[in-house]
């Protein structure tokens, strides 16, 4: 998902879905809507890349088209990684934040089933 596509998931749409990006990963934080949704203390992160704000302990999000975080120091990057780990534990990972010019990749369940024969026995593989 691009930064522009992410913006529509700020909790103001009829479905109320809230997504937040951290360190290039997008998380569905809808169940934490009272924090990240409209009127919440971290509403500035709803539908945005929250990485810089989390790294610098600032409840503001980046308005850049894509923030590569290359100017953060090592302590700030460590903080972003810790936040990412917390989000991974608490919320569902739903995608990746695309860099400008990067194409989205989508996978269907069918493709996964076709390529996931690693645990099948030789007999089961022959049947397929």
Protein backbone atom coordinates (compact mmCIF):
# COMPACT_ATOMS: atom_id res chain seq x y z
CA UNK A 1 0.00 0.00 0.00
CA UNK A 2 1.28 3.47 -0.79
CA UNK A 3 1.33 6.35 1.68
CA UNK A 4 -1.59 7.90 -0.26
CA UNK A 5 -3.62 4.68 -0.02
CA UNK A 6 -2.86 4.38 3.70
CA UNK A 7 -4.32 7.86 4.38
CA UNK A 8 -7.88 6.66 3.76
CA UNK A 9 -7.69 4.34 6.79
CA UNK A 10 -7.75 7.00 9.49
CA UNK A 11 -10.99 5.83 11.10
CA UNK A 12 -13.21 8.45 9.47
CA UNK A 13 -14.58 6.13 6.77
CA UNK A 14 -17.93 4.34 7.28
CA UNK A 15 -16.17 1.06 8.19
CA UNK A 16 -14.08 2.87 10.83
CA UNK A 17 -10.94 0.91 9.94
CA UNK A 18 -7.69 2.35 11.25
CA UNK A 19 -4.29 1.36 9.87
CA UNK A 20 -0.88 2.56 11.05
CA UNK A 21 2.52 1.98 9.44
CA UNK A 22 5.58 1.31 11.58
CA UNK A 23 9.02 0.71 10.08
CA UNK A 24 7.60 -0.14 6.66
CA UNK A 25 4.89 -2.51 7.92
CA UNK A 26 1.17 -1.74 8.06
CA UNK A 27 -0.88 -2.82 11.04
CA UNK A 28 -4.65 -2.90 11.53
CA UNK A 29 -5.10 -1.02 14.80
CA UNK A 30 -8.88 -0.79 14.57
CA UNK A 31 -9.32 -2.55 17.90
CA UNK A 32 -7.19 0.26 19.40
CA UNK A 33 -9.48 2.80 17.78
CA UNK A 34 -9.92 4.79 20.98
CA UNK A 35 -6.18 5.55 20.79
CA UNK A 36 -5.56 5.83 17.03
CA UNK A 37 -9.00 6.79 15.72
CA UNK A 38 -10.58 10.24 15.53
CA UNK A 39 -10.39 12.05 18.87
CA UNK A 40 -7.87 9.59 20.31
CA UNK A 41 -4.57 10.71 21.83
CA UNK A 42 -2.65 9.15 18.92
CA UNK A 43 -5.13 10.04 16.16
CA UNK A 44 -2.27 11.79 14.31
CA UNK A 45 -0.94 8.29 13.52
CA UNK A 46 -4.20 6.93 12.09
CA UNK A 47 -3.80 6.30 8.36
CA UNK A 48 -0.17 7.40 8.51
CA UNK A 49 3.40 6.23 8.88
CA UNK A 50 3.97 6.65 12.61
CA UNK A 51 7.65 5.61 12.56
CA UNK A 52 9.24 9.05 12.91
CA UNK A 53 6.80 10.14 15.60
CA UNK A 54 7.37 6.97 17.61
CA UNK A 55 11.16 7.24 17.19
CA UNK A 56 11.25 10.85 18.38
CA UNK A 57 8.51 10.57 21.02
CA UNK A 58 6.39 13.08 19.14
CA UNK A 59 2.70 12.55 18.46
CA UNK A 60 3.00 13.83 14.93
CA UNK A 61 3.21 11.84 11.74
CA UNK A 62 5.29 12.44 8.69
CA UNK A 63 3.60 14.21 5.79
CA UNK A 64 6.32 13.09 3.40
CA UNK A 65 5.24 10.95 0.46
CA UNK A 66 7.60 8.31 1.84
CA UNK A 67 9.85 8.69 4.88
CA UNK A 68 12.90 6.42 4.58
CA UNK A 69 14.01 7.31 8.15
CA UNK A 70 17.62 7.55 6.93
CA UNK A 71 18.32 10.61 9.07
CA UNK A 72 17.36 8.93 12.37
CA UNK A 73 20.19 8.11 14.76
CA UNK A 74 20.81 4.57 16.02
CA UNK A 75 18.91 5.15 19.28
CA UNK A 76 15.87 6.41 17.37
CA UNK A 77 16.04 3.44 14.96
CA UNK A 78 16.23 1.06 17.93
CA UNK A 79 13.11 2.74 19.28
CA UNK A 80 11.29 2.26 15.95
CA UNK A 81 12.24 -1.43 15.96
CA UNK A 82 10.94 -1.83 19.54
CA UNK A 83 7.66 -0.17 18.54
CA UNK A 84 7.41 -2.45 15.51
CA UNK A 85 7.83 -5.50 17.78
CA UNK A 86 5.08 -4.20 20.09
CA UNK A 87 2.72 -3.60 17.17
CA UNK A 88 3.46 -7.11 15.83
CA UNK A 89 2.47 -8.59 19.19
CA UNK A 90 -0.69 -6.57 19.62
CA UNK A 91 -2.11 -5.94 16.14
CA UNK A 92 -2.63 -7.77 12.87
CA UNK A 93 0.00 -7.20 10.22
CA UNK A 94 -1.89 -6.41 7.00
CA UNK A 95 0.75 -5.28 4.54
CA UNK A 96 3.82 -3.32 3.67
CA UNK A 97 4.28 0.37 2.98
CA UNK A 98 5.48 0.77 -0.60
CA UNK A 99 8.33 3.04 -1.55
CA UNK A 100 7.69 5.45 -4.46
CA UNK A 101 7.76 3.51 -7.72
CA UNK A 102 7.55 0.13 -5.98
CA UNK A 103 4.83 -2.18 -7.29
CA UNK A 104 2.42 -3.98 -5.00
CA UNK A 105 2.59 -7.75 -4.84
CA UNK A 106 -0.51 -9.73 -4.09
CA UNK A 107 -0.85 -13.40 -3.40
CA UNK A 108 -3.95 -15.51 -3.68
CA UNK A 109 -4.81 -18.43 -1.44
CA UNK A 110 -4.67 -20.66 -4.51
CA UNK A 111 -1.05 -19.74 -5.23
CA UNK A 112 -0.08 -20.45 -1.62
CA UNK A 113 -1.70 -23.90 -1.73
CA UNK A 114 0.12 -24.75 -4.96
CA UNK A 115 3.51 -23.78 -3.58
CA UNK A 116 3.04 -25.18 -0.06
CA UNK A 117 3.81 -28.83 -0.78
CA UNK A 118 6.85 -28.94 1.49
CA UNK A 119 5.07 -30.91 4.23
CA UNK A 120 3.22 -33.26 1.89
CA UNK A 121 4.42 -36.84 1.63
CA UNK A 122 5.66 -38.14 -1.76
CA UNK A 123 2.35 -39.97 -2.20
CA UNK A 124 0.33 -36.81 -1.52
CA UNK A 125 2.45 -34.84 -3.99
CA UNK A 126 1.76 -37.44 -6.69
CA UNK A 127 -1.99 -37.05 -6.12
CA UNK A 128 -1.80 -33.35 -6.86
